[in-house]
């Protein structure tokens, strides 16, 4: 077990080294290392329970979470986290934050630019959350031999005598607490960074709304653009066409379909959503809990993503057409 604990601390210490550099790419690497360490311990929680059930038949006979344990022993991160909650080794608040940060870790491969501005804050917040989760890990057994070799990075967390280790189970908890203090996470910075990034996304969407509303020719209201931006996207999806067929649509053209969807489809936004979004930013800024702030931020970004993407595409098309007309008038 000592070598396992040492490997976890090795990753966490390396993660902190990169996070402390403050750059975007180092923050990305630090977040990934932190997430790896969390997953290692989540899996170990399940493995420890599996070992107990094999060793004690009376426990195996009374065990009620066999399906959940099997899932945790597999490749599902969510299954591992769900089982850790059953074991009482991770709180609901920690679990929600870990879930969101694990999804960010996956998004970094293809949506890295979207989060670059807040990556340093997010990586530090996740590191602190992970340290507190790891510190509460219930070590089921602890042993090592006299010839156990640890890395130099992990060695500093376990005391040594003149000839051999003098490591104790509590050294792991103490090391996690030490790393948490060393990361210097500030909750106000995390909350402010999330609010700033959310506000930036809202401002960009608002600008796109104005560009599309001004358009080419007759000006439309932002409410109209909000409706059209959703119906034109839905009209070309399987979900939209199946909804129309299922609920009595009789038209033939795409224009008729979008008009019908505007009146009948349960759109997410019935009018310009920006004023309401701006109120959400204010509420997020007043949140004193970074876990809750992250949850609100993630919920907003996920819920509005497709609409904001549609606005960006629409504004890009309008600007491209304006440029085309200007170039045509100039004889280009």
Protein backbone atom coordinates (compact mmCIF):
# COMPACT_ATOMS: atom_id res chain seq x y z
CA UNK A 1 0.00 0.00 0.00
CA UNK A 2 2.90 2.38 0.70
CA UNK A 3 4.01 2.27 -2.93
CA UNK A 4 0.45 3.02 -4.09
CA UNK A 5 0.13 5.98 -1.73
CA UNK A 6 3.56 7.21 -2.80
CA UNK A 7 2.58 7.05 -6.48
CA UNK A 8 -0.51 9.16 -5.77
CA UNK A 9 1.56 11.76 -3.92
CA UNK A 10 4.14 11.68 -6.70
CA UNK A 11 1.47 12.70 -9.22
CA UNK A 12 -0.02 15.33 -6.94
CA UNK A 13 3.34 16.90 -6.20
CA UNK A 14 4.14 17.04 -9.92
CA UNK A 15 0.70 18.50 -10.59
CA UNK A 16 1.33 21.28 -8.06
CA UNK A 17 4.71 22.01 -9.63
CA UNK A 18 3.01 22.69 -12.96
CA UNK A 19 0.07 24.58 -11.47
CA UNK A 20 2.45 26.89 -9.62
CA UNK A 21 4.05 27.95 -12.92
CA UNK A 22 0.80 29.75 -13.73
CA UNK A 23 0.74 29.17 -17.49
CA UNK A 24 -2.19 27.75 -19.43
CA UNK A 25 -0.37 24.65 -20.68
CA UNK A 26 1.07 23.89 -17.25
CA UNK A 27 -2.40 24.33 -15.74
CA UNK A 28 -3.80 21.87 -18.29
CA UNK A 29 -1.13 19.29 -17.39
CA UNK A 30 -1.65 19.90 -13.67
CA UNK A 31 -5.40 19.37 -14.00
CA UNK A 32 -4.89 16.09 -15.86
CA UNK A 33 -2.41 14.81 -13.28
CA UNK A 34 -4.80 15.74 -10.47
CA UNK A 35 -7.65 13.92 -12.19
CA UNK A 36 -5.46 10.83 -12.65
CA UNK A 37 -4.63 10.78 -8.94
CA UNK A 38 -8.30 11.11 -8.01
CA UNK A 39 -9.25 8.23 -10.30
CA UNK A 40 -6.50 6.01 -8.86
CA UNK A 41 -7.87 6.43 -5.35
CA UNK A 42 -11.48 6.02 -6.45
CA UNK A 43 -10.54 2.71 -8.04
CA UNK A 44 -8.59 1.65 -4.95
CA UNK A 45 -11.68 2.24 -2.78
CA UNK A 46 -13.53 -0.33 -4.88
CA UNK A 47 -10.59 -2.75 -4.90
CA UNK A 48 -10.30 -2.57 -1.11
CA UNK A 49 -13.95 -3.50 -0.73
CA UNK A 50 -13.55 -6.34 -3.20
CA UNK A 51 -10.65 -7.69 -1.12
CA UNK A 52 -12.68 -7.47 2.10
CA UNK A 53 -15.57 -9.39 0.56
CA UNK A 54 -13.23 -12.14 -0.62
CA UNK A 55 -11.58 -12.38 2.80
CA UNK A 56 -14.76 -12.37 4.90
CA UNK A 57 -17.59 -14.53 3.65
CA UNK A 58 -20.13 -13.20 6.14
CA UNK A 59 -19.60 -9.68 4.73
CA UNK A 60 -19.97 -10.96 1.18
CA UNK A 61 -23.31 -12.60 1.99
CA UNK A 62 -24.77 -9.38 3.39
CA UNK A 63 -23.29 -7.01 0.80
CA UNK A 64 -26.03 -4.96 -0.93
CA UNK A 65 -24.12 -3.00 -3.57
CA UNK A 66 -22.69 -5.73 -5.79
CA UNK A 67 -23.78 -4.10 -9.05
CA UNK A 68 -22.36 -0.73 -8.05
CA UNK A 69 -19.09 -2.35 -6.96
CA UNK A 70 -18.73 -4.21 -10.26
CA UNK A 71 -19.25 -0.96 -12.15
CA UNK A 72 -16.67 0.80 -9.97
CA UNK A 73 -14.15 -1.93 -10.72
CA UNK A 74 -14.64 -1.37 -14.43
CA UNK A 75 -13.67 1.62 -16.56
CA UNK A 76 -16.52 3.98 -15.65
CA UNK A 77 -15.27 7.05 -13.80
CA UNK A 78 -18.84 7.90 -12.80
CA UNK A 79 -19.27 4.37 -11.43
CA UNK A 80 -16.13 4.69 -9.30
CA UNK A 81 -17.29 8.04 -7.93
CA UNK A 82 -20.79 6.74 -7.26
CA UNK A 83 -19.41 3.83 -5.26
CA UNK A 84 -17.08 6.07 -3.26
CA UNK A 85 -20.17 8.01 -2.20
CA UNK A 86 -21.83 4.77 -1.10
CA UNK A 87 -18.75 4.06 1.02
CA UNK A 88 -18.95 7.57 2.51
CA UNK A 89 -15.47 8.49 1.28
CA UNK A 90 -16.49 11.50 -0.80
CA UNK A 91 -19.11 14.14 -0.02
CA UNK A 92 -21.91 15.16 -2.37
CA UNK A 93 -20.28 18.56 -2.90
CA UNK A 94 -16.90 17.02 -3.68
CA UNK A 95 -18.53 14.48 -5.96
CA UNK A 96 -20.27 17.14 -8.07
CA UNK A 97 -17.07 19.17 -8.40
CA UNK A 98 -14.99 16.10 -9.30
CA UNK A 99 -17.56 15.11 -11.94
CA UNK A 100 -17.47 18.55 -13.55
CA UNK A 101 -13.70 18.78 -13.44
CA UNK A 102 -13.35 15.31 -14.96
CA UNK A 103 -15.57 16.46 -17.83
CA UNK A 104 -13.33 19.53 -18.25
CA UNK A 105 -10.32 17.22 -18.38
CA UNK A 106 -11.96 15.37 -21.29
CA UNK A 107 -13.01 18.62 -23.01
CA UNK A 108 -9.44 19.95 -22.92
CA UNK A 109 -8.55 17.65 -25.79
CA UNK A 110 -10.95 19.36 -28.22
CA UNK A 111 -12.29 22.48 -26.47
CA UNK A 112 -9.11 23.67 -24.79
CA UNK A 113 -9.30 27.21 -26.14
CA UNK A 114 -12.77 27.70 -24.66
CA UNK A 115 -11.43 27.33 -21.11
CA UNK A 116 -7.93 28.76 -21.48
CA UNK A 117 -8.66 31.98 -19.59
CA UNK A 118 -9.87 30.13 -16.48
CA UNK A 119 -7.66 27.04 -16.61
CA UNK A 120 -5.12 28.31 -14.04
CA UNK A 121 -7.91 29.03 -11.52
CA UNK A 122 -9.75 25.79 -12.27
CA UNK A 123 -6.64 23.63 -11.95
CA UNK A 124 -5.81 25.16 -8.56
CA UNK A 125 -9.38 24.71 -7.33
CA UNK A 126 -9.50 21.08 -8.49
CA UNK A 127 -6.14 20.42 -6.86
CA UNK A 128 -7.38 21.75 -3.51
CA UNK A 129 -10.61 19.74 -3.78
CA UNK A 130 -8.64 16.61 -4.66
CA UNK A 131 -6.27 17.09 -1.70
CA UNK A 132 -9.21 17.19 0.71
CA UNK A 133 -10.77 14.12 -0.86
CA UNK A 134 -7.50 12.19 -0.79
CA UNK A 135 -6.80 13.19 2.81
CA UNK A 136 -10.02 11.43 3.85
CA UNK A 137 -9.13 8.18 2.05
CA UNK A 138 -9.57 5.26 4.47
CA UNK A 139 -6.41 3.18 4.24
CA UNK A 140 -7.52 -0.42 4.73
CA UNK A 141 -4.03 -1.85 5.17
CA UNK A 142 -0.53 -0.46 5.34
CA UNK A 143 2.68 -2.38 4.77
CA UNK A 144 6.08 -2.16 3.10
CA UNK A 145 9.36 -4.00 3.12
CA UNK A 146 12.78 -2.81 4.15
CA UNK A 147 13.91 -2.68 0.54
CA UNK A 148 10.96 -0.57 -0.68
CA UNK A 149 12.17 2.18 -3.00
CA UNK A 150 10.23 5.42 -3.47
CA UNK A 151 10.81 8.24 -5.90
CA UNK A 152 12.63 11.31 -4.66
CA UNK A 153 9.44 13.32 -5.12
CA UNK A 154 7.41 10.98 -2.88
CA UNK A 155 10.21 10.30 -0.41
CA UNK A 156 9.91 13.72 1.22
CA UNK A 157 6.41 12.91 2.49
CA UNK A 158 7.45 9.81 4.45
CA UNK A 159 9.97 9.97 7.33
CA UNK A 160 13.00 7.72 7.26
CA UNK A 161 15.18 6.41 10.03
CA UNK A 162 18.88 5.75 9.76
CA UNK A 163 18.40 2.36 8.11
CA UNK A 164 14.77 1.99 7.07
CA UNK A 165 11.42 3.67 6.58
CA UNK A 166 9.41 4.89 9.51
CA UNK A 167 6.32 5.59 7.43
CA UNK A 168 2.89 5.61 9.07
CA UNK A 169 -0.62 5.58 7.53
CA UNK A 170 -1.27 9.14 8.73
CA UNK A 171 1.69 10.40 6.68
CA UNK A 172 -0.49 10.21 3.56
CA UNK A 173 -3.20 12.37 5.11
CA UNK A 174 -0.62 14.82 6.42
CA UNK A 175 0.99 15.05 2.98
CA UNK A 176 -2.37 15.79 1.31
CA UNK A 177 -3.09 18.51 3.85
CA UNK A 178 0.38 19.97 3.29
CA UNK A 179 -0.13 20.01 -0.49
CA UNK A 180 -3.52 21.67 -0.05
CA UNK A 181 -1.97 24.51 1.93
CA UNK A 182 0.90 24.79 -0.55
CA UNK A 183 -1.43 25.27 -3.54
CA UNK A 184 -2.77 28.52 -2.01
CA UNK A 185 -6.22 28.18 -3.51
CA UNK A 186 -8.35 31.29 -3.02
CA UNK A 187 -12.10 30.74 -3.34
CA UNK A 188 -12.82 34.38 -4.23
CA UNK A 189 -10.40 34.14 -7.17
CA UNK A 190 -12.12 30.99 -8.44
CA UNK A 191 -15.60 32.49 -8.14
CA UNK A 192 -14.50 35.72 -9.80
CA UNK A 193 -12.79 33.86 -12.63
CA UNK A 194 -15.87 31.75 -13.32
CA UNK A 195 -18.11 34.82 -13.28
CA UNK A 196 -15.77 36.73 -15.61
CA UNK A 197 -15.67 33.88 -18.10
CA UNK A 198 -19.44 33.47 -18.01
CA UNK A 199 -19.86 37.22 -18.52
CA UNK A 200 -17.47 37.11 -21.48
CA UNK A 201 -19.53 34.35 -23.09
CA UNK A 202 -22.70 36.40 -22.56
CA UNK A 203 -21.16 39.54 -24.05
CA UNK A 204 -20.02 37.60 -27.11
CA UNK A 205 -23.52 36.16 -27.56
CA UNK A 206 -25.04 39.64 -27.16
CA UNK A 207 -22.72 41.03 -29.83
CA UNK A 208 -23.70 38.21 -32.18
CA UNK A 209 -27.38 38.96 -31.54
CA UNK A 210 -26.82 42.60 -32.55
CA UNK A 211 -24.91 41.64 -35.70
CA UNK A 212 -27.66 39.26 -36.84
CA UNK A 213 -30.42 41.71 -35.86
CA UNK A 214 -28.81 44.54 -37.86
CA UNK A 215 -28.20 42.05 -40.64
CA UNK A 216 -28.50 42.99 -44.29
CA UNK A 217 -31.58 44.92 -45.25
CA UNK A 218 -34.52 45.04 -42.83
CA UNK A 219 -33.58 45.10 -39.18
CA UNK A 220 -35.07 42.51 -36.84
CA UNK A 221 -35.53 42.59 -33.10
CA UNK A 222 -33.27 40.60 -30.79
CA UNK A 223 -36.35 38.60 -29.71
CA UNK A 224 -36.95 37.58 -33.34
CA UNK A 225 -33.32 36.61 -33.80
CA UNK A 226 -33.52 34.52 -30.62
CA UNK A 227 -36.49 32.56 -31.98
CA UNK A 228 -35.07 32.18 -35.49
CA UNK A 229 -31.66 31.12 -34.22
CA UNK A 230 -33.23 28.14 -32.49
CA UNK A 231 -35.89 27.14 -35.05
CA UNK A 232 -33.51 27.11 -38.01
CA UNK A 233 -31.15 24.83 -36.12
CA UNK A 234 -33.94 22.52 -34.90
CA UNK A 235 -35.57 22.33 -38.35
CA UNK A 236 -32.59 20.44 -39.76
CA UNK A 237 -32.31 17.90 -36.95
CA UNK A 238 -33.96 14.51 -36.57
CA UNK A 239 -35.46 15.72 -33.31
CA UNK A 240 -37.13 18.65 -35.08
CA UNK A 241 -38.54 16.71 -38.01
CA UNK A 242 -39.79 13.88 -35.78
CA UNK A 243 -41.46 16.39 -33.46
CA UNK A 244 -43.18 18.03 -36.45
CA UNK A 245 -44.39 14.72 -37.84
CA UNK A 246 -45.59 13.59 -34.42
CA UNK A 247 -47.55 16.76 -33.61
CA UNK A 248 -49.44 17.47 -36.80
CA UNK A 249 -47.23 19.67 -38.99
CA UNK A 250 -48.73 19.96 -42.51
CA UNK A 251 -46.34 22.38 -44.25
CA UNK A 252 -43.90 21.65 -47.05
CA UNK A 253 -41.06 24.20 -47.05
CA UNK A 254 -38.32 24.90 -44.55
CA UNK A 255 -39.67 28.41 -44.04
CA UNK A 256 -43.07 26.99 -43.13
CA UNK A 257 -41.44 24.50 -40.80
CA UNK A 258 -39.43 27.15 -38.93
CA UNK A 259 -42.54 29.35 -38.55
CA UNK A 260 -44.47 26.35 -37.23
CA UNK A 261 -41.68 25.38 -34.82
CA UNK A 262 -41.58 28.94 -33.46
CA UNK A 263 -45.22 28.57 -32.43
CA UNK A 264 -45.25 24.94 -31.32
CA UNK A 265 -41.81 23.69 -30.30
CA UNK A 266 -40.77 24.01 -26.62
CA UNK A 267 -37.87 26.39 -27.29
CA UNK A 268 -35.37 27.03 -24.52
CA UNK A 269 -35.47 30.79 -25.07
CA UNK A 270 -38.70 32.59 -26.04
CA UNK A 271 -37.12 36.06 -26.03
CA UNK A 272 -33.73 37.76 -25.83
CA UNK A 273 -32.08 35.79 -22.99
CA UNK A 274 -29.20 38.19 -22.31
CA UNK A 275 -30.87 40.25 -19.52
CA UNK A 276 -31.67 37.05 -17.64
CA UNK A 277 -28.17 35.72 -18.22
CA UNK A 278 -26.67 38.92 -16.82
CA UNK A 279 -28.70 38.47 -13.65
CA UNK A 280 -27.30 34.94 -13.35
CA UNK A 281 -23.76 36.34 -13.47
CA UNK A 282 -24.56 38.71 -10.62
CA UNK A 283 -25.94 35.85 -8.53
CA UNK A 284 -22.86 33.75 -9.29
CA UNK A 285 -20.54 36.57 -8.17
CA UNK A 286 -22.38 36.77 -4.85
CA UNK A 287 -21.95 33.04 -4.23
CA UNK A 288 -19.49 32.41 -1.41
CA UNK A 289 -19.01 28.73 -2.18
CA UNK A 290 -16.69 27.89 -5.13
CA UNK A 291 -18.26 24.43 -5.50
CA UNK A 292 -21.70 25.97 -5.95
CA UNK A 293 -20.26 28.64 -8.26
CA UNK A 294 -18.68 25.96 -10.45
CA UNK A 295 -21.96 24.04 -10.56
CA UNK A 296 -23.88 27.16 -11.65
CA UNK A 297 -21.22 28.09 -14.20
CA UNK A 298 -21.13 24.60 -15.70
CA UNK A 299 -24.93 24.38 -15.83
CA UNK A 300 -25.15 27.71 -17.66
CA UNK A 301 -22.38 26.97 -20.15
CA UNK A 302 -23.83 23.53 -20.94
CA UNK A 303 -27.46 24.68 -21.23
CA UNK A 304 -26.69 27.64 -23.50
CA UNK A 305 -23.88 26.10 -25.58
CA UNK A 306 -25.86 25.09 -28.68
CA UNK A 307 -27.68 28.42 -28.85
CA UNK A 308 -24.50 30.44 -28.40
CA UNK A 309 -22.83 28.37 -31.13
CA UNK A 310 -25.79 29.03 -33.45
CA UNK A 311 -25.52 32.77 -32.79
CA UNK A 312 -21.80 32.73 -33.53
CA UNK A 313 -22.36 30.87 -36.81
CA UNK A 314 -25.16 33.26 -37.79
CA UNK A 315 -23.10 36.35 -37.03
CA UNK A 316 -20.16 34.93 -38.99
CA UNK A 317 -22.39 34.40 -42.01
CA UNK A 318 -23.79 37.93 -41.81
CA UNK A 319 -20.34 39.48 -41.58
CA UNK A 320 -19.10 37.34 -44.48
CA UNK A 321 -22.02 38.53 -46.63
CA UNK A 322 -21.37 42.16 -45.70
CA UNK A 323 -17.72 41.76 -46.68
CA UNK A 324 -18.75 40.13 -49.95
CA UNK A 325 -21.06 43.01 -50.83
CA UNK A 326 -18.42 45.61 -49.94
CA UNK A 327 -15.84 43.86 -52.10
CA UNK A 328 -18.33 43.59 -54.96
CA UNK A 329 -19.01 47.33 -54.84
CA UNK A 330 -15.29 47.97 -54.92
CA UNK A 331 -15.01 45.79 -57.98
CA UNK A 332 -13.04 43.04 -56.28
